[in-house]
């Protein structure tokens, strides 16, 4: 081997040797910057625990930003579906005190709705919590349910202009010379959103199926390779035993008297 080829080979070998392992990469990603670590340590324990709890929830597929933020009864677009206010004998809402609402926090209705959906997907689809792909898919399916529920609430109570309960939306295009309005009726956007979300759900379910099929094929392949390796090992042992027997027979020479 020439000197240049040997140097090139040594360079490639050194490069491969110095390549980080998967464990090294994970450790590097998980490492917290020193300055950020100091910031976390300065936080009060109450806030630090809340931060870690939020991170763990995200890891398990619980979106912390998906549910809408509560803006109080006066600003909530879905207040008629909120379980907090009471109703009088005529069905009118009684908002109660602002302190009864989680203002600035996640909507109670959507928070628990999404949590329950994720639990249902974990159970029904037998999600592997150690598989980030399956966890992500379960999370997306629950998110679709959340958005669909939000769209259905719009069609149930009507949008800001009171439309959508009949699945239609009427837009005013302008006015003619007589002052009459020119209107255009079309399907309400919330209904279109529901249709798109259902198609999106089917795609994610297909991806989950593809993921599990790929995993099953990989396990079958690995299992087959292991079986093949075991067979080859047994064959090699047999060959070694036969070879040893041949050597022993050759060593036992028989001498005949002249």
Protein backbone atom coordinates (compact mmCIF):
# COMPACT_ATOMS: atom_id res chain seq x y z
CA UNK A 1 0.00 0.00 0.00
CA UNK A 2 1.37 3.39 -0.98
CA UNK A 3 2.06 6.06 1.62
CA UNK A 4 -0.71 8.35 0.31
CA UNK A 5 -3.31 5.55 0.34
CA UNK A 6 -2.28 4.57 3.86
CA UNK A 7 -2.59 8.18 5.06
CA UNK A 8 -6.01 8.44 3.40
CA UNK A 9 -7.14 5.20 5.03
CA UNK A 10 -5.90 6.38 8.44
CA UNK A 11 -7.75 9.67 7.95
CA UNK A 12 -11.03 7.89 7.14
CA UNK A 13 -10.58 5.52 10.08
CA UNK A 14 -9.91 8.45 12.43
CA UNK A 15 -12.99 10.26 11.08
CA UNK A 16 -15.21 7.25 11.68
CA UNK A 17 -13.73 6.71 15.14
CA UNK A 18 -14.42 10.32 16.13
CA UNK A 19 -18.04 10.28 14.92
CA UNK A 20 -20.40 10.85 17.85
CA UNK A 21 -22.59 7.98 18.95
CA UNK A 22 -26.35 8.30 19.33
CA UNK A 23 -25.92 8.49 23.11
CA UNK A 24 -23.36 11.30 22.71
CA UNK A 25 -25.75 13.23 20.46
CA UNK A 26 -28.65 12.84 22.91
CA UNK A 27 -26.46 13.97 25.81
CA UNK A 28 -25.34 17.02 23.83
CA UNK A 29 -28.92 17.95 22.91
CA UNK A 30 -30.20 17.45 26.46
CA UNK A 31 -27.40 19.51 27.99
CA UNK A 32 -28.53 22.89 29.33
CA UNK A 33 -26.42 25.94 28.64
CA UNK A 34 -24.57 27.11 31.76
CA UNK A 35 -26.08 30.60 31.67
CA UNK A 36 -29.57 29.13 31.24
CA UNK A 37 -28.95 26.66 34.05
CA UNK A 38 -28.08 29.58 36.34
CA UNK A 39 -31.32 31.30 35.31
CA UNK A 40 -33.36 28.20 36.19
CA UNK A 41 -31.71 27.94 39.59
CA UNK A 42 -32.63 31.56 40.34
CA UNK A 43 -36.33 30.86 39.75
CA UNK A 44 -38.51 30.27 42.82
CA UNK A 45 -39.09 26.57 43.42
CA UNK A 46 -42.80 27.00 42.71
CA UNK A 47 -42.14 28.40 39.23
CA UNK A 48 -39.33 25.95 38.51
CA UNK A 49 -41.56 22.98 39.37
CA UNK A 50 -44.29 24.40 37.15
CA UNK A 51 -41.80 24.76 34.30
CA UNK A 52 -40.58 21.15 34.58
CA UNK A 53 -44.16 19.92 34.84
CA UNK A 54 -45.02 21.79 31.65
CA UNK A 55 -42.00 20.28 29.86
CA UNK A 56 -42.97 16.76 30.97
CA UNK A 57 -46.52 17.32 29.75
CA UNK A 58 -45.22 18.38 26.35
CA UNK A 59 -43.02 15.27 26.20
CA UNK A 60 -46.09 13.10 26.75
CA UNK A 61 -48.03 14.85 24.02
CA UNK A 62 -50.00 17.32 26.12
CA UNK A 63 -49.88 20.53 24.11
CA UNK A 64 -49.52 23.46 26.49
CA UNK A 65 -50.38 26.00 23.81
CA UNK A 66 -53.24 24.27 22.01
CA UNK A 67 -56.17 25.20 24.30
CA UNK A 68 -57.27 28.81 24.02
CA UNK A 69 -56.40 31.18 26.83
CA UNK A 70 -59.23 32.25 29.10
CA UNK A 71 -60.00 35.93 28.66
CA UNK A 72 -62.89 36.03 31.08
CA UNK A 73 -66.64 35.75 30.40
CA UNK A 74 -66.88 39.06 28.57
CA UNK A 75 -64.23 38.19 25.96
CA UNK A 76 -64.67 34.42 25.50
CA UNK A 77 -66.16 33.51 22.08
CA UNK A 78 -67.41 30.21 23.52
CA UNK A 79 -68.85 31.44 26.81
CA UNK A 80 -72.21 29.82 26.04
CA UNK A 81 -70.46 26.41 26.17
CA UNK A 82 -68.37 27.17 29.26
CA UNK A 83 -69.27 25.05 32.32
CA UNK A 84 -68.47 27.85 34.79
CA UNK A 85 -71.35 30.38 34.45
CA UNK A 86 -74.83 29.60 35.69
CA UNK A 87 -78.13 30.24 33.91
CA UNK A 88 -81.30 31.80 35.25
CA UNK A 89 -84.82 30.47 34.74
CA UNK A 90 -85.00 32.13 31.31
CA UNK A 91 -81.74 30.59 30.16
CA UNK A 92 -79.71 33.78 30.40
CA UNK A 93 -76.09 33.43 31.48
CA UNK A 94 -75.05 34.51 34.95
CA UNK A 95 -71.32 35.14 34.67
CA UNK A 96 -70.54 35.37 38.37
CA UNK A 97 -67.27 36.71 39.74
CA UNK A 98 -64.16 37.05 37.52
CA UNK A 99 -62.20 35.12 40.15
CA UNK A 100 -64.22 32.03 39.21
CA UNK A 101 -62.50 31.93 35.80
CA UNK A 102 -58.87 30.90 35.06
CA UNK A 103 -58.16 34.23 33.33
CA UNK A 104 -54.74 34.16 31.68
CA UNK A 105 -54.60 30.37 31.92
CA UNK A 106 -55.77 27.60 29.60
CA UNK A 107 -59.47 27.18 28.98
CA UNK A 108 -60.82 24.62 31.46
CA UNK A 109 -63.09 23.03 28.87
CA UNK A 110 -60.42 22.63 26.18
CA UNK A 111 -57.63 21.65 28.57
CA UNK A 112 -59.49 18.65 29.96
CA UNK A 113 -61.06 17.83 26.59
CA UNK A 114 -57.63 17.43 24.99
CA UNK A 115 -56.21 15.55 27.97
CA UNK A 116 -59.07 13.07 27.81
CA UNK A 117 -58.65 12.60 24.06
CA UNK A 118 -54.96 11.82 24.42
CA UNK A 119 -55.76 9.24 27.12
CA UNK A 120 -58.35 7.65 24.83
CA UNK A 121 -55.89 7.44 21.92
CA UNK A 122 -53.20 5.98 24.18
CA UNK A 123 -55.62 3.27 25.29
CA UNK A 124 -57.47 2.56 22.05
CA UNK A 125 -54.43 2.64 19.76
CA UNK A 126 -52.10 1.05 22.34
CA UNK A 127 -49.59 3.88 22.01
CA UNK A 128 -46.04 3.09 23.09
CA UNK A 129 -45.02 6.03 25.37
CA UNK A 130 -41.34 5.32 24.66
CA UNK A 131 -41.89 5.73 20.92
CA UNK A 132 -41.72 9.47 20.07
CA UNK A 133 -43.30 8.87 16.65
CA UNK A 134 -46.40 7.21 18.10
CA UNK A 135 -46.63 9.81 20.88
CA UNK A 136 -46.49 12.59 18.28
CA UNK A 137 -49.25 10.95 16.21
CA UNK A 138 -51.50 10.54 19.26
CA UNK A 139 -50.86 14.18 20.09
CA UNK A 140 -51.81 15.29 16.57
CA UNK A 141 -55.00 13.21 16.62
CA UNK A 142 -56.04 14.80 19.92
CA UNK A 143 -55.23 18.22 18.50
CA UNK A 144 -57.48 17.52 15.51
CA UNK A 145 -60.29 16.58 17.90
CA UNK A 146 -59.76 19.82 19.81
CA UNK A 147 -59.96 21.96 16.66
CA UNK A 148 -62.96 20.01 15.41
CA UNK A 149 -64.74 20.53 18.72
CA UNK A 150 -63.99 24.25 18.49
CA UNK A 151 -65.46 24.39 14.97
CA UNK A 152 -68.55 22.49 16.10
CA UNK A 153 -69.08 24.95 18.95
CA UNK A 154 -69.03 27.78 16.41
CA UNK A 155 -71.72 26.06 14.34
CA UNK A 156 -73.73 25.27 17.46
CA UNK A 157 -73.83 28.77 18.94
CA UNK A 158 -73.07 30.76 15.78
CA UNK A 159 -70.02 32.86 14.97
CA UNK A 160 -69.49 36.52 15.94
CA UNK A 161 -72.20 37.58 13.52
CA UNK A 162 -74.56 34.80 14.62
CA UNK A 163 -74.13 32.71 11.48
CA UNK A 164 -73.19 29.09 10.97
CA UNK A 165 -75.97 27.22 12.76
CA UNK A 166 -77.55 26.32 9.40
CA UNK A 167 -74.07 25.50 7.98
CA UNK A 168 -74.26 28.61 5.82
CA UNK A 169 -72.64 32.03 5.83
CA UNK A 170 -74.11 35.04 4.02
CA UNK A 171 -71.68 37.77 2.99
CA UNK A 172 -72.78 41.24 1.91
CA UNK A 173 -71.04 42.14 -1.34
CA UNK A 174 -72.37 45.68 -1.60
CA UNK A 175 -75.44 47.82 -2.22
CA UNK A 176 -77.30 48.60 -5.43
CA UNK A 177 -78.85 51.93 -6.48
CA UNK A 178 -82.02 51.21 -4.51
CA UNK A 179 -80.05 50.57 -1.35
CA UNK A 180 -80.70 46.84 -1.41
CA UNK A 181 -77.86 44.57 -0.38
CA UNK A 182 -76.21 42.16 -2.75
CA UNK A 183 -75.59 38.97 -0.81
CA UNK A 184 -73.70 35.75 -1.42
CA UNK A 185 -74.52 32.55 0.48
CA UNK A 186 -71.92 29.81 0.83
CA UNK A 187 -70.95 27.00 3.17
CA UNK A 188 -69.71 28.26 6.49
CA UNK A 189 -65.88 28.11 6.84
CA UNK A 190 -66.27 26.17 10.11
CA UNK A 191 -67.91 23.33 8.19
CA UNK A 192 -65.04 23.30 5.70
CA UNK A 193 -62.61 23.18 8.61
CA UNK A 194 -64.37 20.09 10.00
CA UNK A 195 -64.08 18.38 6.60
CA UNK A 196 -60.36 19.21 6.33
CA UNK A 197 -59.70 18.00 9.87
CA UNK A 198 -61.36 14.66 9.14
CA UNK A 199 -59.13 14.17 6.09
CA UNK A 200 -56.14 15.12 8.20
CA UNK A 201 -57.15 12.56 10.82
CA UNK A 202 -57.22 9.80 8.19
CA UNK A 203 -53.70 10.74 7.07
CA UNK A 204 -52.34 10.53 10.61
CA UNK A 205 -54.01 7.18 11.20
CA UNK A 206 -52.45 5.93 7.96
CA UNK A 207 -49.04 7.18 9.17
CA UNK A 208 -49.50 5.32 12.44
CA UNK A 209 -50.30 2.15 10.51
CA UNK A 210 -47.28 2.65 8.25
CA UNK A 211 -45.06 3.22 11.29
CA UNK A 212 -46.19 0.00 12.92
CA UNK A 213 -45.90 -1.98 9.70
CA UNK A 214 -42.35 -0.70 9.25
CA UNK A 215 -41.57 -1.61 12.85
CA UNK A 216 -43.03 -5.11 12.39
CA UNK A 217 -41.02 -5.62 9.20
CA UNK A 218 -37.86 -4.42 10.91
CA UNK A 219 -38.45 -6.76 13.86
CA UNK A 220 -39.07 -9.63 11.45
CA UNK A 221 -35.89 -8.78 9.58
CA UNK A 222 -33.85 -8.54 12.78
CA UNK A 223 -35.38 -11.75 14.04
CA UNK A 224 -34.58 -13.46 10.74
CA UNK A 225 -31.01 -12.19 10.87
CA UNK A 226 -30.64 -13.46 14.41
CA UNK A 227 -31.96 -16.88 13.45
CA UNK A 228 -29.68 -16.96 10.43
CA UNK A 229 -26.71 -15.99 12.58
CA UNK A 230 -27.59 -18.72 15.07
CA UNK A 231 -27.77 -21.34 12.31
CA UNK A 232 -24.42 -20.24 10.89
CA UNK A 233 -22.91 -20.42 14.35
CA UNK A 234 -24.18 -23.96 14.83
CA UNK A 235 -22.83 -24.97 11.41
CA UNK A 236 -19.42 -23.49 12.28
CA UNK A 237 -19.36 -25.43 15.56
CA UNK A 238 -20.15 -28.60 13.65
CA UNK A 239 -17.37 -27.89 11.16
CA UNK A 240 -14.90 -27.24 13.99
CA UNK A 241 -15.87 -30.51 15.66
CA UNK A 242 -15.43 -32.47 12.39
CA UNK A 243 -12.10 -30.78 11.72
CA UNK A 244 -10.92 -31.64 15.22
CA UNK A 245 -11.91 -35.26 14.70
CA UNK A 246 -9.96 -35.38 11.41
CA UNK A 247 -6.84 -34.00 13.09
CA UNK A 248 -7.06 -36.56 15.89
CA UNK A 249 -7.44 -39.41 13.40
CA UNK A 250 -4.46 -38.21 11.37
CA UNK A 251 -2.32 -38.02 14.49
CA UNK A 252 -2.98 -41.66 15.35
CA UNK A 253 -0.43 -43.29 12.98
CA UNK A 254 -0.19 -47.06 12.76
CA UNK A 255 3.31 -48.57 12.34
CA UNK A 256 3.70 -52.04 10.84
CA UNK A 257 6.63 -54.29 11.57
CA UNK A 258 8.79 -55.02 8.55
